[in-house]
Amino acid sequence: MMTAEEQPSFQQVARDLSRPILHYLERYFGDRGVAEELCQETLMRMDKGYSTFAGRSSVKTWAFAIASRVAADHLRHPDRRVRFVELTEAEEVIDPLPAVDERIVVDEMNECLRQVIDGLPDAYRAALILHDLEGLTAEQTAEICACSVATAKIRIHRARLRLKEALQKECAFYSDPDGAFRCDRK
């Protein structure tokens, strides 16, 4: 439990965590605009509840738990499903330096991987993103997902297995003549 003197101001917490929360939500949804909107919603909910934050977990874990609930709430609405953006619809090019064919290959692989991750059940997707992509511990993932550490580890493991199986089933991996790793969707 944290005393009022030990607890940082909400402004400091928001400044420290807004970027990691945005990053997590962007990975979760694959859409920067949605991630920014949900990050703002997360920060508003954090602000509303910060005065009652008891410090039984780290502020970061508490904030990610709120972000996960905001993401789940967003997905509950049928008109708010993840939408894939075609390369021609993209507002900005991520890295203008690589050759066009390299960008297309990377975009195709990212889209393929994004579709497989989006196909995972919500509990598995959240655990995989939090642990493997955001680098949180199994304990932090469990706390955010409101489950036991054992359940979080099982979800992470099963998400990895499903991801591997889906990629093996849906993708044909090979090395091109230049030695670059490629994927063709089956």
N, C-alpha and C. Protein backbone atom coordinates (compact mmCIF):
# COMPACT_ATOMS: atom_id res chain seq x y z
N MET A 1 0.83 -1.18 0.00
CA MET A 1 0.00 0.00 0.00
C MET A 1 0.88 1.24 0.00
N MET A 2 0.50 2.18 -0.80
CA MET A 2 1.27 3.41 -0.95
C MET A 2 0.62 4.53 -0.15
N THR A 3 1.43 5.32 0.51
CA THR A 3 0.90 6.48 1.21
C THR A 3 0.76 7.62 0.21
N ALA A 4 -0.01 8.63 0.58
CA ALA A 4 -0.22 9.78 -0.31
C ALA A 4 1.10 10.46 -0.66
N GLU A 5 2.05 10.44 0.29
CA GLU A 5 3.35 11.09 0.04
C GLU A 5 4.18 10.30 -0.98
N GLU A 6 4.03 8.98 -0.99
CA GLU A 6 4.81 8.14 -1.90
C GLU A 6 4.24 8.10 -3.30
N GLN A 7 2.94 8.36 -3.44
CA GLN A 7 2.26 8.24 -4.71
C GLN A 7 2.60 9.44 -5.61
N PRO A 8 3.09 9.17 -6.84
CA PRO A 8 3.38 10.29 -7.76
C PRO A 8 2.08 10.96 -8.22
N SER A 9 2.20 12.16 -8.72
CA SER A 9 1.01 12.86 -9.20
C SER A 9 0.46 12.15 -10.44
N PHE A 10 -0.82 12.35 -10.68
CA PHE A 10 -1.42 11.73 -11.86
C PHE A 10 -0.75 12.25 -13.13
N GLN A 11 -0.40 13.53 -13.15
CA GLN A 11 0.25 14.09 -14.34
C GLN A 11 1.55 13.36 -14.64
N GLN A 12 2.32 13.03 -13.61
CA GLN A 12 3.57 12.30 -13.80
C GLN A 12 3.30 10.88 -14.31
N VAL A 13 2.31 10.23 -13.72
CA VAL A 13 1.94 8.88 -14.15
C VAL A 13 1.49 8.90 -15.61
N ALA A 14 0.64 9.86 -15.96
CA ALA A 14 0.14 9.96 -17.33
C ALA A 14 1.29 10.24 -18.30
N ARG A 15 2.22 11.10 -17.91
CA ARG A 15 3.37 11.42 -18.75
C ARG A 15 4.24 10.17 -18.96
N ASP A 16 4.45 9.40 -17.89
CA ASP A 16 5.31 8.22 -17.96
C ASP A 16 4.67 7.06 -18.71
N LEU A 17 3.36 6.92 -18.62
CA LEU A 17 2.71 5.72 -19.14
C LEU A 17 1.90 5.91 -20.42
N SER A 18 1.66 7.14 -20.84
CA SER A 18 0.83 7.32 -22.03
C SER A 18 1.46 6.69 -23.27
N ARG A 19 2.75 6.81 -23.44
CA ARG A 19 3.40 6.23 -24.62
C ARG A 19 3.37 4.69 -24.58
N PRO A 20 3.73 4.03 -23.45
CA PRO A 20 3.62 2.56 -23.42
C PRO A 20 2.18 2.06 -23.60
N ILE A 21 1.22 2.78 -23.05
CA ILE A 21 -0.18 2.37 -23.23
C ILE A 21 -0.58 2.51 -24.70
N LEU A 22 -0.21 3.62 -25.32
CA LEU A 22 -0.50 3.82 -26.75
C LEU A 22 0.14 2.71 -27.58
N HIS A 23 1.38 2.38 -27.28
CA HIS A 23 2.10 1.33 -28.00
C HIS A 23 1.37 0.00 -27.86
N TYR A 24 0.95 -0.34 -26.64
CA TYR A 24 0.22 -1.58 -26.39
C TYR A 24 -1.08 -1.61 -27.18
N LEU A 25 -1.85 -0.53 -27.14
CA LEU A 25 -3.13 -0.49 -27.83
C LEU A 25 -2.95 -0.51 -29.35
N GLU A 26 -1.88 0.11 -29.82
CA GLU A 26 -1.61 0.08 -31.26
C GLU A 26 -1.27 -1.34 -31.71
N ARG A 27 -0.52 -2.05 -30.91
CA ARG A 27 -0.23 -3.45 -31.23
C ARG A 27 -1.49 -4.30 -31.12
N TYR A 28 -2.32 -4.02 -30.18
CA TYR A 28 -3.54 -4.78 -29.96
C TYR A 28 -4.50 -4.63 -31.14
N PHE A 29 -4.64 -3.39 -31.64
CA PHE A 29 -5.61 -3.12 -32.70
C PHE A 29 -5.00 -2.96 -34.08
N GLY A 30 -3.71 -2.66 -34.17
CA GLY A 30 -3.10 -2.47 -35.47
C GLY A 30 -3.55 -1.20 -36.17
N ASP A 31 -4.08 -0.26 -35.42
CA ASP A 31 -4.61 0.98 -36.00
C ASP A 31 -4.26 2.12 -35.06
N ARG A 32 -3.43 3.02 -35.51
CA ARG A 32 -2.97 4.13 -34.68
C ARG A 32 -4.12 5.02 -34.21
N GLY A 33 -5.06 5.30 -35.10
CA GLY A 33 -6.18 6.16 -34.74
C GLY A 33 -7.03 5.58 -33.62
N VAL A 34 -7.35 4.31 -33.73
CA VAL A 34 -8.12 3.64 -32.68
C VAL A 34 -7.31 3.62 -31.40
N ALA A 35 -6.02 3.33 -31.52
CA ALA A 35 -5.15 3.26 -30.34
C ALA A 35 -5.10 4.62 -29.63
N GLU A 36 -5.00 5.71 -30.38
CA GLU A 36 -4.96 7.04 -29.77
C GLU A 36 -6.27 7.35 -29.05
N GLU A 37 -7.39 7.00 -29.68
CA GLU A 37 -8.70 7.23 -29.07
C GLU A 37 -8.83 6.42 -27.76
N LEU A 38 -8.42 5.17 -27.80
CA LEU A 38 -8.54 4.31 -26.62
C LEU A 38 -7.51 4.67 -25.55
N CYS A 39 -6.38 5.20 -25.96
CA CYS A 39 -5.40 5.67 -24.98
C CYS A 39 -5.98 6.84 -24.20
N GLN A 40 -6.65 7.74 -24.89
CA GLN A 40 -7.28 8.88 -24.21
C GLN A 40 -8.36 8.39 -23.24
N GLU A 41 -9.15 7.40 -23.67
CA GLU A 41 -10.17 6.83 -22.80
C GLU A 41 -9.52 6.19 -21.58
N THR A 42 -8.41 5.49 -21.77
CA THR A 42 -7.69 4.87 -20.67
C THR A 42 -7.20 5.92 -19.68
N LEU A 43 -6.61 6.99 -20.20
CA LEU A 43 -6.11 8.05 -19.33
C LEU A 43 -7.24 8.72 -18.55
N MET A 44 -8.40 8.88 -19.19
CA MET A 44 -9.54 9.47 -18.48
C MET A 44 -10.01 8.55 -17.36
N ARG A 45 -10.06 7.25 -17.63
CA ARG A 45 -10.47 6.30 -16.58
C ARG A 45 -9.43 6.25 -15.46
N MET A 46 -8.16 6.32 -15.84
CA MET A 46 -7.11 6.34 -14.82
C MET A 46 -7.25 7.58 -13.94
N ASP A 47 -7.48 8.73 -14.55
CA ASP A 47 -7.62 9.98 -13.81
C ASP A 47 -8.79 9.88 -12.83
N LYS A 48 -9.88 9.31 -13.31
CA LYS A 48 -11.08 9.18 -12.47
C LYS A 48 -10.81 8.28 -11.26
N GLY A 49 -10.02 7.21 -11.44
CA GLY A 49 -9.80 6.26 -10.36
C GLY A 49 -8.49 6.42 -9.60
N TYR A 50 -7.66 7.36 -10.02
CA TYR A 50 -6.32 7.47 -9.42
C TYR A 50 -6.36 7.82 -7.94
N SER A 51 -7.31 8.61 -7.53
CA SER A 51 -7.37 9.00 -6.12
C SER A 51 -7.67 7.80 -5.21
N THR A 52 -8.27 6.74 -5.76
CA THR A 52 -8.56 5.56 -4.97
C THR A 52 -7.57 4.42 -5.21
N PHE A 53 -6.55 4.68 -6.04
CA PHE A 53 -5.53 3.65 -6.30
C PHE A 53 -4.81 3.34 -4.99
N ALA A 54 -4.88 2.08 -4.58
CA ALA A 54 -4.36 1.68 -3.27
C ALA A 54 -2.91 1.21 -3.32
N GLY A 55 -2.35 0.99 -4.49
CA GLY A 55 -0.96 0.58 -4.58
C GLY A 55 -0.73 -0.90 -4.31
N ARG A 56 -1.78 -1.72 -4.45
CA ARG A 56 -1.58 -3.16 -4.26
C ARG A 56 -0.81 -3.78 -5.43
N SER A 57 -0.75 -3.06 -6.53
CA SER A 57 0.04 -3.47 -7.69
C SER A 57 0.83 -2.24 -8.12
N SER A 58 1.70 -2.42 -9.11
CA SER A 58 2.42 -1.26 -9.62
C SER A 58 1.45 -0.38 -10.41
N VAL A 59 1.76 0.88 -10.52
CA VAL A 59 0.92 1.80 -11.29
C VAL A 59 0.86 1.34 -12.74
N LYS A 60 1.98 0.84 -13.26
CA LYS A 60 2.01 0.37 -14.65
C LYS A 60 1.06 -0.80 -14.86
N THR A 61 1.07 -1.75 -13.95
CA THR A 61 0.17 -2.90 -14.06
C THR A 61 -1.28 -2.45 -13.98
N TRP A 62 -1.57 -1.56 -13.06
CA TRP A 62 -2.92 -1.01 -12.91
C TRP A 62 -3.35 -0.32 -14.20
N ALA A 63 -2.46 0.48 -14.79
CA ALA A 63 -2.78 1.22 -16.01
C ALA A 63 -3.02 0.28 -17.19
N PHE A 64 -2.18 -0.75 -17.32
CA PHE A 64 -2.37 -1.71 -18.41
C PHE A 64 -3.66 -2.50 -18.23
N ALA A 65 -4.03 -2.78 -17.00
CA ALA A 65 -5.30 -3.47 -16.75
C ALA A 65 -6.47 -2.60 -17.22
N ILE A 66 -6.40 -1.32 -16.95
CA ILE A 66 -7.44 -0.40 -17.41
C ILE A 66 -7.45 -0.36 -18.93
N ALA A 67 -6.27 -0.28 -19.56
CA ALA A 67 -6.18 -0.27 -21.02
C ALA A 67 -6.78 -1.54 -21.61
N SER A 68 -6.54 -2.67 -20.98
CA SER A 68 -7.10 -3.94 -21.46
C SER A 68 -8.62 -3.94 -21.37
N ARG A 69 -9.16 -3.39 -20.29
CA ARG A 69 -10.62 -3.30 -20.16
C ARG A 69 -11.20 -2.33 -21.19
N VAL A 70 -10.51 -1.24 -21.44
CA VAL A 70 -10.96 -0.29 -22.46
C VAL A 70 -10.97 -0.98 -23.83
N ALA A 71 -9.94 -1.76 -24.12
CA ALA A 71 -9.87 -2.49 -25.40
C ALA A 71 -11.00 -3.51 -25.49
N ALA A 72 -11.25 -4.23 -24.41
CA ALA A 72 -12.34 -5.21 -24.41
C ALA A 72 -13.69 -4.53 -24.61
N ASP A 73 -13.89 -3.40 -23.94
CA ASP A 73 -15.14 -2.65 -24.11
C ASP A 73 -15.31 -2.21 -25.56
N HIS A 74 -14.24 -1.77 -26.16
CA HIS A 74 -14.27 -1.33 -27.56
C HIS A 74 -14.66 -2.48 -28.48
N LEU A 75 -14.10 -3.66 -28.23
CA LEU A 75 -14.37 -4.81 -29.10
C LEU A 75 -15.77 -5.37 -28.92
N ARG A 76 -16.42 -5.06 -27.82
CA ARG A 76 -17.78 -5.57 -27.58
C ARG A 76 -18.80 -4.97 -28.54
N HIS A 77 -18.50 -3.81 -29.07
CA HIS A 77 -19.42 -3.16 -30.00
C HIS A 77 -19.25 -3.78 -31.38
N PRO A 78 -20.33 -4.34 -31.96
CA PRO A 78 -20.20 -5.02 -33.26
C PRO A 78 -19.74 -4.10 -34.40
N ASP A 79 -20.04 -2.82 -34.30
CA ASP A 79 -19.63 -1.91 -35.37
C ASP A 79 -18.18 -1.46 -35.23
N ARG A 80 -17.49 -1.95 -34.19
CA ARG A 80 -16.10 -1.55 -33.94
C ARG A 80 -15.17 -2.75 -34.04
N ARG A 81 -15.10 -3.32 -35.17
CA ARG A 81 -14.20 -4.45 -35.37
C ARG A 81 -12.90 -3.95 -35.99
N VAL A 82 -11.85 -4.72 -35.82
CA VAL A 82 -10.56 -4.36 -36.38
C VAL A 82 -10.69 -4.33 -37.89
N ARG A 83 -10.20 -3.30 -38.51
CA ARG A 83 -10.25 -3.14 -39.95
C ARG A 83 -8.84 -3.10 -40.49
N PHE A 84 -8.62 -3.88 -41.51
CA PHE A 84 -7.29 -3.89 -42.12
C PHE A 84 -7.23 -2.82 -43.19
N VAL A 85 -6.15 -2.09 -43.20
CA VAL A 85 -5.96 -1.01 -44.15
C VAL A 85 -5.08 -1.52 -45.28
N GLU A 86 -5.57 -1.34 -46.48
CA GLU A 86 -4.79 -1.73 -47.64
C GLU A 86 -3.60 -0.78 -47.78
N LEU A 87 -2.55 -1.26 -48.39
CA LEU A 87 -1.35 -0.45 -48.57
C LEU A 87 -1.68 0.86 -49.29
N THR A 88 -2.60 0.80 -50.24
CA THR A 88 -2.97 1.99 -51.00
C THR A 88 -3.76 2.99 -50.16
N GLU A 89 -4.34 2.54 -49.03
CA GLU A 89 -5.13 3.42 -48.17
C GLU A 89 -4.30 4.05 -47.06
N ALA A 90 -3.08 3.58 -46.87
CA ALA A 90 -2.26 4.04 -45.75
C ALA A 90 -2.02 5.55 -45.86
N GLU A 91 -2.16 6.23 -44.72
CA GLU A 91 -1.97 7.67 -44.70
C GLU A 91 -0.50 8.06 -44.80
N GLU A 92 0.37 7.24 -44.22
CA GLU A 92 1.79 7.56 -44.23
C GLU A 92 2.60 6.29 -44.43
N VAL A 93 3.73 6.44 -45.06
CA VAL A 93 4.63 5.32 -45.25
C VAL A 93 5.52 5.26 -44.02
N ILE A 94 5.65 4.07 -43.44
CA ILE A 94 6.40 3.93 -42.20
C ILE A 94 7.87 4.25 -42.38
N ASP A 95 8.49 3.69 -43.40
CA ASP A 95 9.91 3.94 -43.62
C ASP A 95 10.12 4.16 -45.12
N PRO A 96 10.36 5.39 -45.55
CA PRO A 96 10.47 5.66 -46.97
C PRO A 96 11.77 5.15 -47.60
N LEU A 97 12.73 4.68 -46.83
CA LEU A 97 14.00 4.28 -47.38
C LEU A 97 14.04 2.91 -48.05
N PRO A 98 13.37 1.88 -47.52
CA PRO A 98 13.47 0.58 -48.17
C PRO A 98 12.87 0.60 -49.56
N ALA A 99 13.31 -0.31 -50.39
CA ALA A 99 12.79 -0.42 -51.74
C ALA A 99 11.30 -0.78 -51.67
N VAL A 100 10.58 -0.42 -52.72
CA VAL A 100 9.14 -0.66 -52.75
C VAL A 100 8.83 -2.14 -52.57
N ASP A 101 9.57 -3.02 -53.26
CA ASP A 101 9.28 -4.45 -53.14
C ASP A 101 9.53 -4.96 -51.72
N GLU A 102 10.52 -4.39 -51.03
CA GLU A 102 10.77 -4.78 -49.64
C GLU A 102 9.63 -4.33 -48.74
N ARG A 103 9.13 -3.12 -48.97
CA ARG A 103 8.00 -2.63 -48.17
C ARG A 103 6.77 -3.50 -48.39
N ILE A 104 6.53 -3.88 -49.63
CA ILE A 104 5.37 -4.71 -49.93
C ILE A 104 5.47 -6.05 -49.22
N VAL A 105 6.65 -6.66 -49.25
CA VAL A 105 6.84 -7.95 -48.58
C VAL A 105 6.63 -7.80 -47.08
N VAL A 106 7.23 -6.78 -46.49
CA VAL A 106 7.09 -6.56 -45.04
C VAL A 106 5.63 -6.29 -44.71
N ASP A 107 4.95 -5.46 -45.50
CA ASP A 107 3.54 -5.18 -45.25
C ASP A 107 2.68 -6.43 -45.36
N GLU A 108 2.97 -7.28 -46.36
CA GLU A 108 2.22 -8.52 -46.51
C GLU A 108 2.44 -9.44 -45.32
N MET A 109 3.68 -9.55 -44.86
CA MET A 109 3.96 -10.41 -43.71
C MET A 109 3.32 -9.84 -42.45
N ASN A 110 3.38 -8.53 -42.27
CA ASN A 110 2.75 -7.90 -41.10
C ASN A 110 1.23 -8.10 -41.13
N GLU A 111 0.64 -7.96 -42.31
CA GLU A 111 -0.81 -8.15 -42.44
C GLU A 111 -1.17 -9.60 -42.13
N CYS A 112 -0.39 -10.52 -42.63
CA CYS A 112 -0.64 -11.94 -42.37
C CYS A 112 -0.56 -12.22 -40.87
N LEU A 113 0.50 -11.76 -40.24
CA LEU A 113 0.68 -11.96 -38.80
C LEU A 113 -0.42 -11.27 -38.01
N ARG A 114 -0.78 -10.06 -38.41
CA ARG A 114 -1.84 -9.31 -37.74
C ARG A 114 -3.16 -10.08 -37.81
N GLN A 115 -3.47 -10.67 -38.97
CA GLN A 115 -4.71 -11.42 -39.13
C GLN A 115 -4.71 -12.65 -38.23
N VAL A 116 -3.58 -13.32 -38.14
CA VAL A 116 -3.49 -14.50 -37.28
C VAL A 116 -3.66 -14.10 -35.82
N ILE A 117 -2.98 -13.04 -35.39
CA ILE A 117 -3.11 -12.58 -33.99
C ILE A 117 -4.54 -12.13 -33.72
N ASP A 118 -5.16 -11.43 -34.66
CA ASP A 118 -6.55 -10.98 -34.47
C ASP A 118 -7.52 -12.14 -34.40
N GLY A 119 -7.13 -13.28 -34.99
CA GLY A 119 -7.98 -14.46 -34.95
C GLY A 119 -7.92 -15.23 -33.64
N LEU A 120 -6.99 -14.86 -32.78
CA LEU A 120 -6.88 -15.52 -31.47
C LEU A 120 -8.03 -15.07 -30.57
N PRO A 121 -8.47 -15.94 -29.66
CA PRO A 121 -9.46 -15.49 -28.67
C PRO A 121 -8.89 -14.29 -27.90
N ASP A 122 -9.77 -13.40 -27.45
CA ASP A 122 -9.34 -12.17 -26.78
C ASP A 122 -8.37 -12.42 -25.64
N ALA A 123 -8.65 -13.42 -24.80
CA ALA A 123 -7.79 -13.69 -23.65
C ALA A 123 -6.38 -14.10 -24.09
N TYR A 124 -6.29 -14.89 -25.14
CA TYR A 124 -4.99 -15.33 -25.65
C TYR A 124 -4.26 -14.16 -26.31
N ARG A 125 -5.01 -13.37 -27.10
CA ARG A 125 -4.41 -12.24 -27.80
C ARG A 125 -3.82 -11.24 -26.80
N ALA A 126 -4.60 -10.91 -25.77
CA ALA A 126 -4.11 -9.97 -24.76
C ALA A 126 -2.87 -10.49 -24.06
N ALA A 127 -2.89 -11.76 -23.66
CA ALA A 127 -1.74 -12.35 -22.97
C ALA A 127 -0.50 -12.35 -23.87
N LEU A 128 -0.67 -12.72 -25.12
CA LEU A 128 0.45 -12.75 -26.06
C LEU A 128 1.04 -11.36 -26.28
N ILE A 129 0.19 -10.38 -26.51
CA ILE A 129 0.67 -9.02 -26.76
C ILE A 129 1.36 -8.45 -25.52
N LEU A 130 0.73 -8.61 -24.36
CA LEU A 130 1.31 -8.07 -23.13
C LEU A 130 2.66 -8.71 -22.82
N HIS A 131 2.73 -10.02 -22.92
CA HIS A 131 3.95 -10.73 -22.53
C HIS A 131 5.02 -10.69 -23.62
N ASP A 132 4.67 -11.12 -24.81
CA ASP A 132 5.68 -11.27 -25.86
C ASP A 132 6.01 -9.98 -26.60
N LEU A 133 5.05 -9.12 -26.79
CA LEU A 133 5.32 -7.90 -27.55
C LEU A 133 5.61 -6.71 -26.65
N GLU A 134 4.93 -6.62 -25.51
CA GLU A 134 5.17 -5.50 -24.60
C GLU A 134 6.24 -5.82 -23.56
N GLY A 135 6.61 -7.08 -23.43
CA GLY A 135 7.70 -7.45 -22.53
C GLY A 135 7.35 -7.49 -21.05
N LEU A 136 6.07 -7.59 -20.73
CA LEU A 136 5.68 -7.68 -19.33
C LEU A 136 5.92 -9.11 -18.82
N THR A 137 6.06 -9.24 -17.53
CA THR A 137 6.27 -10.55 -16.94
C THR A 137 4.95 -11.32 -16.92
N ALA A 138 5.03 -12.61 -16.68
CA ALA A 138 3.82 -13.43 -16.57
C ALA A 138 2.97 -12.95 -15.40
N GLU A 139 3.63 -12.52 -14.33
CA GLU A 139 2.91 -12.02 -13.16
C GLU A 139 2.14 -10.74 -13.50
N GLN A 140 2.79 -9.83 -14.20
CA GLN A 140 2.12 -8.58 -14.59
C GLN A 140 0.99 -8.88 -15.58
N THR A 141 1.24 -9.79 -16.51
CA THR A 141 0.22 -10.17 -17.47
C THR A 141 -0.99 -10.76 -16.75
N ALA A 142 -0.74 -11.61 -15.76
CA ALA A 142 -1.83 -12.22 -14.99
C ALA A 142 -2.65 -11.16 -14.27
N GLU A 143 -1.97 -10.21 -13.67
CA GLU A 143 -2.68 -9.17 -12.94
C GLU A 143 -3.53 -8.32 -13.88
N ILE A 144 -2.98 -7.97 -15.02
CA ILE A 144 -3.71 -7.15 -16.00
C ILE A 144 -4.90 -7.91 -16.55
N CYS A 145 -4.72 -9.20 -16.81
CA CYS A 145 -5.78 -10.02 -17.38
C CYS A 145 -6.74 -10.57 -16.33
N ALA A 146 -6.49 -10.22 -15.07
CA ALA A 146 -7.34 -10.65 -13.95
C ALA A 146 -7.47 -12.17 -13.89
N CYS A 147 -6.32 -12.84 -13.90
CA CYS A 147 -6.29 -14.29 -13.79
C CYS A 147 -5.07 -14.69 -12.96
N SER A 148 -4.95 -15.96 -12.67
CA SER A 148 -3.79 -16.43 -11.91
C SER A 148 -2.56 -16.45 -12.82
N VAL A 149 -1.39 -16.51 -12.21
CA VAL A 149 -0.15 -16.58 -12.98
C VAL A 149 -0.15 -17.85 -13.83
N ALA A 150 -0.60 -18.94 -13.25
CA ALA A 150 -0.65 -20.21 -14.00
C ALA A 150 -1.55 -20.08 -15.23
N THR A 151 -2.69 -19.43 -15.07
CA THR A 151 -3.60 -19.23 -16.20
C THR A 151 -2.96 -18.33 -17.25
N ALA A 152 -2.29 -17.28 -16.81
CA ALA A 152 -1.61 -16.39 -17.76
C ALA A 152 -0.56 -17.15 -18.56
N LYS A 153 0.22 -17.99 -17.88
CA LYS A 153 1.24 -18.77 -18.57
C LYS A 153 0.61 -19.74 -19.57
N ILE A 154 -0.51 -20.33 -19.18
CA ILE A 154 -1.21 -21.24 -20.09
C ILE A 154 -1.71 -20.47 -21.32
N ARG A 155 -2.28 -19.29 -21.08
CA ARG A 155 -2.78 -18.48 -22.20
C ARG A 155 -1.65 -18.08 -23.14
N ILE A 156 -0.53 -17.67 -22.58
CA ILE A 156 0.63 -17.29 -23.40
C ILE A 156 1.09 -18.49 -24.23
N HIS A 157 1.22 -19.63 -23.57
CA HIS A 157 1.67 -20.85 -24.25
C HIS A 157 0.69 -21.25 -25.36
N ARG A 158 -0.59 -21.26 -25.04
CA ARG A 158 -1.60 -21.65 -26.04
C ARG A 158 -1.68 -20.64 -27.18
N ALA A 159 -1.52 -19.37 -26.87
CA ALA A 159 -1.52 -18.35 -27.93
C ALA A 159 -0.35 -18.56 -28.87
N ARG A 160 0.82 -18.86 -28.30
CA ARG A 160 2.00 -19.13 -29.14
C ARG A 160 1.77 -20.36 -30.02
N LEU A 161 1.19 -21.41 -29.43
CA LEU A 161 0.92 -22.62 -30.20
C LEU A 161 -0.05 -22.35 -31.34
N ARG A 162 -1.13 -21.63 -31.03
CA ARG A 162 -2.11 -21.31 -32.07
C ARG A 162 -1.49 -20.44 -33.15
N LEU A 163 -0.67 -19.50 -32.74
CA LEU A 163 0.01 -18.63 -33.70
C LEU A 163 0.91 -19.47 -34.61
N LYS A 164 1.69 -20.35 -34.02
CA LYS A 164 2.59 -21.21 -34.79
C LYS A 164 1.81 -22.11 -35.74
N GLU A 165 0.74 -22.75 -35.23
CA GLU A 165 -0.07 -23.64 -36.07
C GLU A 165 -0.71 -22.88 -37.22
N ALA A 166 -1.25 -21.72 -36.93
CA ALA A 166 -1.90 -20.92 -37.98
C ALA A 166 -0.90 -20.48 -39.04
N LEU A 167 0.27 -20.06 -38.59
CA LEU A 167 1.28 -19.63 -39.57
C LEU A 167 1.76 -20.80 -40.41
N GLN A 168 1.92 -21.97 -39.81
CA GLN A 168 2.34 -23.15 -40.57
C GLN A 168 1.26 -23.59 -41.54
N LYS A 169 0.01 -23.47 -41.12
CA LYS A 169 -1.12 -23.89 -41.96
C LYS A 169 -1.41 -22.89 -43.08
N GLU A 170 -1.30 -21.61 -42.76
CA GLU A 170 -1.72 -20.58 -43.70
C GLU A 170 -0.60 -19.95 -44.51
N CYS A 171 0.64 -20.19 -44.12
CA CYS A 171 1.75 -19.51 -44.78
C CYS A 171 2.78 -20.52 -45.28
N ALA A 172 3.34 -20.21 -46.42
CA ALA A 172 4.45 -21.01 -46.96
C ALA A 172 5.70 -20.13 -46.86
N PHE A 173 6.59 -20.48 -45.94
CA PHE A 173 7.81 -19.70 -45.74
C PHE A 173 8.93 -20.23 -46.62
N TYR A 174 9.74 -19.32 -47.15
CA TYR A 174 10.87 -19.71 -47.99
C TYR A 174 11.89 -18.57 -48.01
N SER A 175 13.05 -18.86 -48.51
CA SER A 175 14.07 -17.84 -48.72
C SER A 175 14.14 -17.55 -50.20
N ASP A 176 14.11 -16.27 -50.56
CA ASP A 176 14.18 -15.92 -51.98
C ASP A 176 15.63 -16.00 -52.46
N PRO A 177 15.88 -15.79 -53.74
CA PRO A 177 17.26 -15.89 -54.28
C PRO A 177 18.26 -14.95 -53.60
N ASP A 178 17.76 -13.85 -53.00
CA ASP A 178 18.64 -12.92 -52.31
C ASP A 178 18.86 -13.32 -50.85
N GLY A 179 18.22 -14.41 -50.42
CA GLY A 179 18.39 -14.87 -49.05
C GLY A 179 17.43 -14.22 -48.06
N ALA A 180 16.46 -13.46 -48.55
CA ALA A 180 15.49 -12.81 -47.67
C ALA A 180 14.38 -13.79 -47.33
N PHE A 181 13.92 -13.74 -46.09
CA PHE A 181 12.85 -14.61 -45.62
C PHE A 181 11.54 -14.11 -46.17
N ARG A 182 10.76 -14.98 -46.78
CA ARG A 182 9.50 -14.59 -47.40
C ARG A 182 8.36 -15.50 -46.96
N CYS A 183 7.15 -15.05 -47.20
CA CYS A 183 5.96 -15.83 -46.85
C CYS A 183 4.94 -15.65 -47.97
N ASP A 184 4.39 -16.75 -48.41
CA ASP A 184 3.25 -16.71 -49.33
C ASP A 184 2.07 -17.31 -48.61
N ARG A 185 0.98 -16.59 -48.60
CA ARG A 185 -0.24 -17.08 -47.95
C ARG A 185 -0.81 -18.19 -48.79
N LYS A 186 -1.14 -19.31 -48.16
CA LYS A 186 -1.70 -20.47 -48.89
C LYS A 186 -3.13 -20.25 -49.23
